[in-house]
PDB file of N, CA and C in Angstrom:
ATOM      1  N   UNK A   1      -2.848  -0.582 -29.287  1.00  0.00           N
ATOM      2  CA  UNK A   1      -2.431   0.116 -29.107  1.00  0.00           C
ATOM      3  C   UNK A   1      -0.582   0.154 -28.510  1.00  0.00           C
ATOM      4  N   UNK A   2       0.145   0.597 -28.855  1.00  0.00           N
ATOM      5  CA  UNK A   2       1.845   0.408 -28.571  1.00  0.00           C
ATOM      6  C   UNK A   2       2.568   1.542 -28.468  1.00  0.00           C
ATOM      7  N   UNK A   3       3.254   1.599 -27.897  1.00  0.00           N
ATOM      8  CA  UNK A   3       4.060   2.567 -26.749  1.00  0.00           C
ATOM      9  C   UNK A   3       5.500   2.465 -27.269  1.00  0.00           C
ATOM     10  N   UNK A   4       6.328   2.853 -27.219  1.00  0.00           N
ATOM     11  CA  UNK A   4       7.894   3.154 -27.049  1.00  0.00           C
ATOM     12  C   UNK A   4       8.618   4.181 -26.326  1.00  0.00           C
ATOM     13  N   UNK A   5       9.044   3.698 -25.287  1.00  0.00           N
ATOM     14  CA  UNK A   5       9.968   4.192 -24.768  1.00  0.00           C
ATOM     15  C   UNK A   5      11.199   3.687 -23.936  1.00  0.00           C
ATOM     16  N   UNK A   6      12.088   4.645 -23.469  1.00  0.00           N
ATOM     17  CA  UNK A   6      13.152   3.738 -23.070  1.00  0.00           C
ATOM     18  C   UNK A   6      13.386   4.041 -21.609  1.00  0.00           C
ATOM     19  N   UNK A   7      14.574   2.994 -20.889  1.00  0.00           N
ATOM     20  CA  UNK A   7      14.903   3.144 -19.785  1.00  0.00           C
ATOM     21  C   UNK A   7      15.997   4.371 -19.668  1.00  0.00           C
ATOM     22  N   UNK A   8      16.191   5.214 -18.398  1.00  0.00           N
ATOM     23  CA  UNK A   8      17.312   6.250 -18.404  1.00  0.00           C
ATOM     24  C   UNK A   8      17.956   5.529 -17.354  1.00  0.00           C
ATOM     25  N   UNK A   9      19.292   6.575 -18.077  1.00  0.00           N
ATOM     26  CA  UNK A   9      20.380   5.846 -16.901  1.00  0.00           C
ATOM     27  C   UNK A   9      19.928   5.874 -15.747  1.00  0.00           C
ATOM     28  N   UNK A  10      18.934   5.967 -14.738  1.00  0.00           N
ATOM     29  CA  UNK A  10      18.915   5.638 -13.270  1.00  0.00           C
ATOM     30  C   UNK A  10      17.672   4.681 -13.581  1.00  0.00           C
ATOM     31  N   UNK A  11      17.506   4.331 -13.888  1.00  0.00           N
ATOM     32  CA  UNK A  11      16.469   3.115 -14.431  1.00  0.00           C
ATOM     33  C   UNK A  11      15.022   3.451 -14.418  1.00  0.00           C
ATOM     34  N   UNK A  12      14.683   4.762 -14.897  1.00  0.00           N
ATOM     35  CA  UNK A  12      13.203   5.438 -14.836  1.00  0.00           C
ATOM     36  C   UNK A  12      12.825   4.764 -16.213  1.00  0.00           C
ATOM     37  N   UNK A  13      11.551   4.982 -15.643  1.00  0.00           N
ATOM     38  CA  UNK A  13      10.947   4.711 -17.214  1.00  0.00           C
ATOM     39  C   UNK A  13       9.743   5.566 -17.301  1.00  0.00           C
ATOM     40  N   UNK A  14       9.442   6.475 -18.786  1.00  0.00           N
ATOM     41  CA  UNK A  14       8.527   7.239 -18.706  1.00  0.00           C
ATOM     42  C   UNK A  14       7.088   6.927 -19.434  1.00  0.00           C
ATOM     43  N   UNK A  15       6.481   6.581 -18.620  1.00  0.00           N
ATOM     44  CA  UNK A  15       5.254   6.422 -18.669  1.00  0.00           C
ATOM     45  C   UNK A  15       4.465   6.943 -19.711  1.00  0.00           C
ATOM     46  N   UNK A  16       3.777   6.942 -21.195  1.00  0.00           N
ATOM     47  CA  UNK A  16       3.404   7.946 -21.660  1.00  0.00           C
ATOM     48  C   UNK A  16       1.921   8.967 -21.686  1.00  0.00           C
ATOM     49  N   UNK A  17       1.913  10.077 -21.171  1.00  0.00           N
ATOM     50  CA  UNK A  17       0.526  10.022 -20.796  1.00  0.00           C
ATOM     51  C   UNK A  17      -0.714   9.696 -21.176  1.00  0.00           C
ATOM     52  N   UNK A  18      -0.771   9.386 -22.166  1.00  0.00           N
ATOM     53  CA  UNK A  18      -2.112   8.911 -22.534  1.00  0.00           C
ATOM     54  C   UNK A  18      -2.277   7.500 -21.463  1.00  0.00           C
ATOM     55  N   UNK A  19      -1.317   7.211 -21.189  1.00  0.00           N
ATOM     56  CA  UNK A  19      -1.623   5.696 -20.493  1.00  0.00           C
ATOM     57  C   UNK A  19      -1.933   6.266 -19.074  1.00  0.00           C
ATOM     58  N   UNK A  20      -0.717   6.807 -18.658  1.00  0.00           N
ATOM     59  CA  UNK A  20      -1.493   7.480 -17.139  1.00  0.00           C
ATOM     60  C   UNK A  20      -2.380   7.983 -17.177  1.00  0.00           C
ATOM     61  N   UNK A  21      -3.186   8.681 -17.823  1.00  0.00           N
ATOM     62  CA  UNK A  21      -4.759   9.545 -17.457  1.00  0.00           C
ATOM     63  C   UNK A  21      -5.475   8.958 -17.800  1.00  0.00           C
ATOM     64  N   UNK A  22      -5.315   7.490 -18.970  1.00  0.00           N
ATOM     65  CA  UNK A  22      -6.440   6.426 -18.956  1.00  0.00           C
ATOM     66  C   UNK A  22      -6.482   5.332 -17.778  1.00  0.00           C
ATOM     67  N   UNK A  23      -5.452   5.001 -17.103  1.00  0.00           N
ATOM     68  CA  UNK A  23      -5.188   3.970 -16.262  1.00  0.00           C
ATOM     69  C   UNK A  23      -5.376   4.550 -14.798  1.00  0.00           C
ATOM     70  N   UNK A  24      -5.035   5.994 -14.459  1.00  0.00           N
ATOM     71  CA  UNK A  24      -5.352   6.185 -13.524  1.00  0.00           C
ATOM     72  C   UNK A  24      -3.084   6.239 -12.442  1.00  0.00           C
ATOM     73  N   UNK A  25      -2.489   6.113 -13.458  1.00  0.00           N
ATOM     74  CA  UNK A  25      -1.138   6.235 -13.046  1.00  0.00           C
ATOM     75  C   UNK A  25      -0.939   7.749 -12.580  1.00  0.00           C
ATOM     76  N   UNK A  26      -1.189   8.623 -11.970  1.00  0.00           N
ATOM     77  CA  UNK A  26      -1.111   9.901 -11.707  1.00  0.00           C
ATOM     78  C   UNK A  26       0.470   9.604 -10.816  1.00  0.00           C
ATOM     79  N   UNK A  27       0.989  11.303 -10.442  1.00  0.00           N
ATOM     80  CA  UNK A  27       2.131  11.035  -9.942  1.00  0.00           C
ATOM     81  C   UNK A  27       2.077  10.598  -8.210  1.00  0.00           C
ATOM     82  N   UNK A  28       3.221   9.754  -7.500  1.00  0.00           N
ATOM     83  CA  UNK A  28       2.830   9.806  -6.054  1.00  0.00           C
ATOM     84  C   UNK A  28       1.850   8.270  -6.520  1.00  0.00           C
ATOM     85  N   UNK A  29       1.372   7.534  -7.003  1.00  0.00           N
ATOM     86  CA  UNK A  29       0.758   6.657  -7.542  1.00  0.00           C
ATOM     87  C   UNK A  29       1.640   5.224  -7.016  1.00  0.00           C
ATOM     88  N   UNK A  30       1.116   4.282  -6.275  1.00  0.00           N
ATOM     89  CA  UNK A  30       2.196   3.000  -6.155  1.00  0.00           C
ATOM     90  C   UNK A  30       2.201   2.436  -6.899  1.00  0.00           C
ATOM     91  N   UNK A  31       2.669   1.414  -7.848  1.00  0.00           N
ATOM     92  CA  UNK A  31       2.718   0.414  -9.020  1.00  0.00           C
ATOM     93  C   UNK A  31       3.368  -0.378  -8.270  1.00  0.00           C
ATOM     94  N   UNK A  32       2.513  -2.144  -9.158  1.00  0.00           N
ATOM     95  CA  UNK A  32       3.914  -3.292  -9.150  1.00  0.00           C
ATOM     96  C   UNK A  32       3.967  -3.329 -10.288  1.00  0.00           C
ATOM     97  N   UNK A  33       5.096  -3.878  -9.945  1.00  0.00           N
ATOM     98  CA  UNK A  33       5.841  -4.734 -11.183  1.00  0.00           C
ATOM     99  C   UNK A  33       5.884  -6.289 -11.055  1.00  0.00           C
ATOM    100  N   UNK A  34       5.007  -7.028 -11.814  1.00  0.00           N
ATOM    101  CA  UNK A  34       5.506  -8.240 -11.581  1.00  0.00           C
ATOM    102  C   UNK A  34       6.186  -9.043 -13.589  1.00  0.00           C
ATOM    103  N   UNK A  35       7.108  -9.572 -13.083  1.00  0.00           N
ATOM    104  CA  UNK A  35       7.206 -10.277 -14.555  1.00  0.00           C
ATOM    105  C   UNK A  35       6.494 -11.533 -14.893  1.00  0.00           C
ATOM    106  N   UNK A  36       6.151 -11.388 -16.089  1.00  0.00           N
ATOM    107  CA  UNK A  36       5.510 -12.417 -16.560  1.00  0.00           C
ATOM    108  C   UNK A  36       6.260 -13.896 -17.403  1.00  0.00           C
ATOM    109  N   UNK A  37       7.621 -13.177 -18.326  1.00  0.00           N
ATOM    110  CA  UNK A  37       8.233 -14.002 -19.092  1.00  0.00           C
ATOM    111  C   UNK A  37       9.632 -13.036 -19.237  1.00  0.00           C
ATOM    112  N   UNK A  38      10.152 -13.880 -19.781  1.00  0.00           N
ATOM    113  CA  UNK A  38      11.811 -13.153 -19.660  1.00  0.00           C
ATOM    114  C   UNK A  38      11.649 -11.886 -20.138  1.00  0.00           C
ATOM    115  N   UNK A  39      10.551 -11.396 -20.983  1.00  0.00           N
ATOM    116  CA  UNK A  39      10.670 -10.206 -21.822  1.00  0.00           C
ATOM    117  C   UNK A  39       9.795  -9.656 -21.660  1.00  0.00           C
ATOM    118  N   UNK A  40       8.569 -10.113 -20.952  1.00  0.00           N
ATOM    119  CA  UNK A  40       7.317  -9.235 -20.650  1.00  0.00           C
ATOM    120  C   UNK A  40       7.135  -9.072 -19.041  1.00  0.00           C
ATOM    121  N   UNK A  41       6.361  -7.597 -18.635  1.00  0.00           N
ATOM    122  CA  UNK A  41       6.728  -7.470 -17.285  1.00  0.00           C
ATOM    123  C   UNK A  41       4.446  -6.962 -17.652  1.00  0.00           C
ATOM    124  N   UNK A  42       4.221  -7.254 -16.095  1.00  0.00           N
ATOM    125  CA  UNK A  42       2.521  -6.495 -15.949  1.00  0.00           C
ATOM    126  C   UNK A  42       3.041  -5.444 -15.158  1.00  0.00           C
ATOM    127  N   UNK A  43       2.419  -4.288 -15.363  1.00  0.00           N
ATOM    128  CA  UNK A  43       2.257  -2.908 -14.232  1.00  0.00           C
ATOM    129  C   UNK A  43       0.880  -2.578 -14.155  1.00  0.00           C
ATOM    130  N   UNK A  44       0.686  -2.908 -12.641  1.00  0.00           N
ATOM    131  CA  UNK A  44      -0.598  -2.478 -11.973  1.00  0.00           C
ATOM    132  C   UNK A  44      -0.159  -1.542 -11.079  1.00  0.00           C
ATOM    133  N   UNK A  45      -1.190  -0.735 -11.341  1.00  0.00           N
ATOM    134  CA  UNK A  45      -1.953   0.475 -10.004  1.00  0.00           C
ATOM    135  C   UNK A  45      -1.864  -0.352  -8.935  1.00  0.00           C
ATOM    136  N   UNK A  46      -1.136  -0.068  -7.816  1.00  0.00           N
ATOM    137  CA  UNK A  46      -1.044  -0.988  -6.495  1.00  0.00           C
ATOM    138  C   UNK A  46      -2.807  -0.125  -5.958  1.00  0.00           C
ATOM    139  N   UNK A  47      -3.182  -1.288  -5.506  1.00  0.00           N
ATOM    140  CA  UNK A  47      -4.744  -0.691  -5.007  1.00  0.00           C
ATOM    141  C   UNK A  47      -4.417   0.169  -3.461  1.00  0.00           C
ATOM    142  N   UNK A  48      -5.202   1.211  -3.607  1.00  0.00           N
ATOM    143  CA  UNK A  48      -5.455   1.992  -2.315  1.00  0.00           C
ATOM    144  C   UNK A  48      -5.731   1.374  -1.179  1.00  0.00           C
ATOM    145  N   UNK A  49      -6.045   2.032  -0.122  1.00  0.00           N
ATOM    146  CA  UNK A  49      -6.889   1.267   0.964  1.00  0.00           C
ATOM    147  C   UNK A  49      -8.338   1.291   1.016  1.00  0.00           C
ATOM    148  N   UNK A  50      -8.635   2.205   0.655  1.00  0.00           N
ATOM    149  CA  UNK A  50     -10.402   2.398   0.245  1.00  0.00           C
ATOM    150  C   UNK A  50     -10.838   1.155  -0.755  1.00  0.00           C
ATOM    151  N   UNK A  51      -9.710   0.768  -1.641  1.00  0.00           N
ATOM    152  CA  UNK A  51     -10.252   0.009  -2.534  1.00  0.00           C
ATOM    153  C   UNK A  51     -10.086  -1.330  -2.132  1.00  0.00           C
ATOM    154  N   UNK A  52      -8.708  -1.737  -1.405  1.00  0.00           N
ATOM    155  CA  UNK A  52      -9.302  -2.620  -0.905  1.00  0.00           C
ATOM    156  C   UNK A  52     -10.419  -3.045   0.391  1.00  0.00           C
ATOM    157  N   UNK A  53     -10.898  -2.393   0.489  1.00  0.00           N
ATOM    158  CA  UNK A  53     -11.894  -2.580   1.469  1.00  0.00           C
ATOM    159  C   UNK A  53     -13.422  -1.554   0.671  1.00  0.00           C
ATOM    160  N   UNK A  54     -13.196  -1.857  -0.682  1.00  0.00           N
ATOM    161  CA  UNK A  54     -14.115  -1.074  -1.116  1.00  0.00           C
ATOM    162  C   UNK A  54     -15.649  -1.197  -1.227  1.00  0.00           C
ATOM    163  N   UNK A  55     -15.841  -2.672  -0.904  1.00  0.00           N
ATOM    164  CA  UNK A  55     -17.151  -2.893  -0.186  1.00  0.00           C
ATOM    165  C   UNK A  55     -17.714  -2.636   0.834  1.00  0.00           C
ATOM    166  N   UNK A  56     -17.014  -1.932   1.712  1.00  0.00           N
ATOM    167  CA  UNK A  56     -17.207  -0.876   2.959  1.00  0.00           C
ATOM    168  C   UNK A  56     -17.570   0.137   2.740  1.00  0.00           C
ATOM    169  N   UNK A  57     -16.782   0.848   1.508  1.00  0.00           N
ATOM    170  CA  UNK A  57     -16.872   2.714   1.955  1.00  0.00           C
ATOM    171  C   UNK A  57     -15.849   3.051   2.747  1.00  0.00           C
ATOM    172  N   UNK A  58     -15.527   4.007   2.334  1.00  0.00           N
ATOM    173  CA  UNK A  58     -13.760   4.979   3.002  1.00  0.00           C
ATOM    174  C   UNK A  58     -14.417   5.044   4.493  1.00  0.00           C
ATOM    175  N   UNK A  59     -15.716   5.679   4.709  1.00  0.00           N
ATOM    176  CA  UNK A  59     -16.039   5.887   5.982  1.00  0.00           C
ATOM    177  C   UNK A  59     -15.622   4.319   6.956  1.00  0.00           C
ATOM    178  N   UNK A  60     -16.338   3.599   6.740  1.00  0.00           N
ATOM    179  CA  UNK A  60     -16.330   2.426   7.669  1.00  0.00           C
ATOM    180  C   UNK A  60     -14.974   1.448   7.443  1.00  0.00           C
ATOM    181  N   UNK A  61     -14.079   2.099   6.788  1.00  0.00           N
ATOM    182  CA  UNK A  61     -12.887   1.330   6.568  1.00  0.00           C
ATOM    183  C   UNK A  61     -11.950   2.260   7.689  1.00  0.00           C
ATOM    184  N   UNK A  62     -11.998   3.299   7.652  1.00  0.00           N
ATOM    185  CA  UNK A  62     -11.977   4.566   8.385  1.00  0.00           C
ATOM    186  C   UNK A  62     -12.174   3.930   9.857  1.00  0.00           C
ATOM    187  N   UNK A  63     -13.299   3.899  10.291  1.00  0.00           N
ATOM    188  CA  UNK A  63     -13.478   3.092  11.133  1.00  0.00           C
ATOM    189  C   UNK A  63     -13.013   1.531  12.275  1.00  0.00           C
ATOM    190  N   UNK A  64     -12.747   0.603  11.013  1.00  0.00           N
ATOM    191  CA  UNK A  64     -12.655  -0.357  11.213  1.00  0.00           C
ATOM    192  C   UNK A  64     -11.548  -0.267  12.152  1.00  0.00           C
ATOM    193  N   UNK A  65     -10.122   0.128  10.988  1.00  0.00           N
ATOM    194  CA  UNK A  65      -8.716   0.878  10.924  1.00  0.00           C
ATOM    195  C   UNK A  65      -8.912   0.911  12.812  1.00  0.00           C
ATOM    196  N   UNK A  66      -9.362   1.888  12.916  1.00  0.00           N
ATOM    197  CA  UNK A  66      -9.212   3.032  14.382  1.00  0.00           C
ATOM    198  C   UNK A  66      -9.556   1.818  15.486  1.00  0.00           C
ATOM    199  N   UNK A  67     -10.827   1.119  15.343  1.00  0.00           N
ATOM    200  CA  UNK A  67     -11.397   0.014  15.937  1.00  0.00           C
ATOM    201  C   UNK A  67      -9.991  -0.952  16.362  1.00  0.00           C
ATOM    202  N   UNK A  68      -9.278  -1.364  15.224  1.00  0.00           N
ATOM    203  CA  UNK A  68      -8.241  -2.165  15.728  1.00  0.00           C
ATOM    204  C   UNK A  68      -7.025  -1.700  15.968  1.00  0.00           C
ATOM    205  N   UNK A  69      -6.634  -0.526  15.790  1.00  0.00           N
ATOM    206  CA  UNK A  69      -5.907   0.284  16.477  1.00  0.00           C
ATOM    207  C   UNK A  69      -6.048   0.263  17.836  1.00  0.00           C
ATOM    208  N   UNK A  70      -7.533   1.200  18.633  1.00  0.00           N
ATOM    209  CA  UNK A  70      -7.322   0.932  19.607  1.00  0.00           C
ATOM    210  C   UNK A  70      -7.491  -0.405  20.125  1.00  0.00           C
ATOM    211  N   UNK A  71      -7.959  -1.532  19.629  1.00  0.00           N
ATOM    212  CA  UNK A  71      -7.673  -3.117  20.380  1.00  0.00           C
ATOM    213  C   UNK A  71      -6.072  -3.024  20.578  1.00  0.00           C
ATOM    214  N   UNK A  72      -5.340  -2.701  19.484  1.00  0.00           N
ATOM    215  CA  UNK A  72      -3.715  -2.935  19.630  1.00  0.00           C
ATOM    216  C   UNK A  72      -2.980  -1.785  20.981  1.00  0.00           C
ATOM    217  N   UNK A  73      -3.768  -0.952  21.556  1.00  0.00           N
ATOM    218  CA  UNK A  73      -3.443  -0.122  22.116  1.00  0.00           C
ATOM    219  C   UNK A  73      -3.393  -0.957  23.916  1.00  0.00           C
ATOM    220  N   UNK A  74      -4.905  -1.147  23.797  1.00  0.00           N
ATOM    221  CA  UNK A  74      -5.047  -2.089  24.987  1.00  0.00           C
ATOM    222  C   UNK A  74      -4.246  -3.239  25.078  1.00  0.00           C
ATOM    223  N   UNK A  75      -4.227  -4.098  24.281  1.00  0.00           N
ATOM    224  CA  UNK A  75      -3.328  -5.180  24.511  1.00  0.00           C
ATOM    225  C   UNK A  75      -2.049  -4.863  24.918  1.00  0.00           C
ATOM    226  N   UNK A  76      -1.944  -3.516  24.360  1.00  0.00           N
ATOM    227  CA  UNK A  76       0.427  -2.994  24.865  1.00  0.00           C
ATOM    228  C   UNK A  76       0.381  -2.735  25.995  1.00  0.00           C
ATOM    229  N   UNK A  77      -1.325  -1.871  26.152  1.00  0.00           N
ATOM    230  CA  UNK A  77      -0.520  -1.340  28.196  1.00  0.00           C
ATOM    231  C   UNK A  77      -1.356  -2.526  28.746  1.00  0.00           C
ATOM    232  N   UNK A  78      -1.994  -3.662  28.698  1.00  0.00           N
ATOM    233  CA  UNK A  78      -2.274  -4.744  29.506  1.00  0.00           C
ATOM    234  C   UNK A  78      -0.992  -5.601  29.607  1.00  0.00           C
ATOM    235  N   UNK A  79       0.019  -5.408  28.339  1.00  0.00           N
ATOM    236  CA  UNK A  79       1.302  -6.371  28.442  1.00  0.00           C
ATOM    237  C   UNK A  79       2.290  -5.464  29.608  1.00  0.00           C
ATOM    238  N   UNK A  80       2.151  -4.708  28.945  1.00  0.00           N
ATOM    239  CA  UNK A  80       2.742  -3.264  29.735  1.00  0.00           C
ATOM    240  C   UNK A  80       2.802  -3.692  31.330  1.00  0.00           C
ATOM    241  N   UNK A  81       1.337  -3.522  31.482  1.00  0.00           N
ATOM    242  CA  UNK A  81       0.960  -3.991  33.154  1.00  0.00           C
ATOM    243  C   UNK A  81       1.491  -5.392  33.567  1.00  0.00           C
ATOM    244  N   UNK A  82       1.293  -5.800  33.207  1.00  0.00           N
ATOM    245  CA  UNK A  82       2.002  -7.643  33.474  1.00  0.00           C
ATOM    246  C   UNK A  82       3.444  -7.372  33.797  1.00  0.00           C
ATOM    247  N   UNK A  83       4.093  -6.874  32.410  1.00  0.00           N
ATOM    248  CA  UNK A  83       5.519  -7.142  32.519  1.00  0.00           C
ATOM    249  C   UNK A  83       5.937  -5.974  33.869  1.00  0.00           C
ATOM    250  N   UNK A  84       5.712  -4.749  34.085  1.00  0.00           N
ATOM    251  CA  UNK A  84       5.910  -3.787  35.054  1.00  0.00           C
ATOM    252  C   UNK A  84       6.086  -4.438  36.588  1.00  0.00           C
ATOM    253  N   UNK A  85       5.409  -4.758  37.036  1.00  0.00           N
ATOM    254  CA  UNK A  85       5.855  -5.285  38.448  1.00  0.00           C
ATOM    255  C   UNK A  85       6.848  -6.504  38.538  1.00  0.00           C
ATOM    256  N   UNK A  86       7.075  -7.016  37.579  1.00  0.00           N
ATOM    257  CA  UNK A  86       8.043  -8.099  37.356  1.00  0.00           C
ATOM    258  C   UNK A  86       9.667  -7.607  37.141  1.00  0.00           C
ATOM    259  N   UNK A  87       9.680  -6.476  36.892  1.00  0.00           N
ATOM    260  CA  UNK A  87      10.884  -5.875  36.730  1.00  0.00           C
ATOM    261  C   UNK A  87      10.895  -5.103  37.786  1.00  0.00           C
ATOM    262  N   UNK A  88       9.952  -4.028  38.649  1.00  0.00           N
ATOM    263  CA  UNK A  88      10.024  -3.722  39.737  1.00  0.00           C
ATOM    264  C   UNK A  88      10.635  -4.582  40.764  1.00  0.00           C
ATOM    265  N   UNK A  89      10.068  -6.094  41.063  1.00  0.00           N
ATOM    266  CA  UNK A  89      10.607  -7.002  42.075  1.00  0.00           C
ATOM    267  C   UNK A  89      11.728  -7.019  41.724  1.00  0.00           C
ATOM    268  N   UNK A  90      12.972  -7.325  40.842  1.00  0.00           N
ATOM    269  CA  UNK A  90      14.266  -7.637  40.551  1.00  0.00           C
ATOM    270  C   UNK A  90      15.291  -6.461  41.627  1.00  0.00           C
TER     271      UNK A  90
END
């Protein structure tokens, strides 16, 4: 299978509809372009967050991210409390 397309004046390339539908290159999907050789590029659909954590499922992914954010917030509050007394004593 081979398709030909042109690069627009703005550097845009149209991916043929058949390829977009077959490989999930829908509007708004982020892609990764990797140069392989002087005249060859690899175009991949960037994985979505649930795909990165696919073995856990979407619900578990959200829970894990929320737990991590909560840990970050607690650490920030702790650092703020440690810094504030030092600033007030000046």
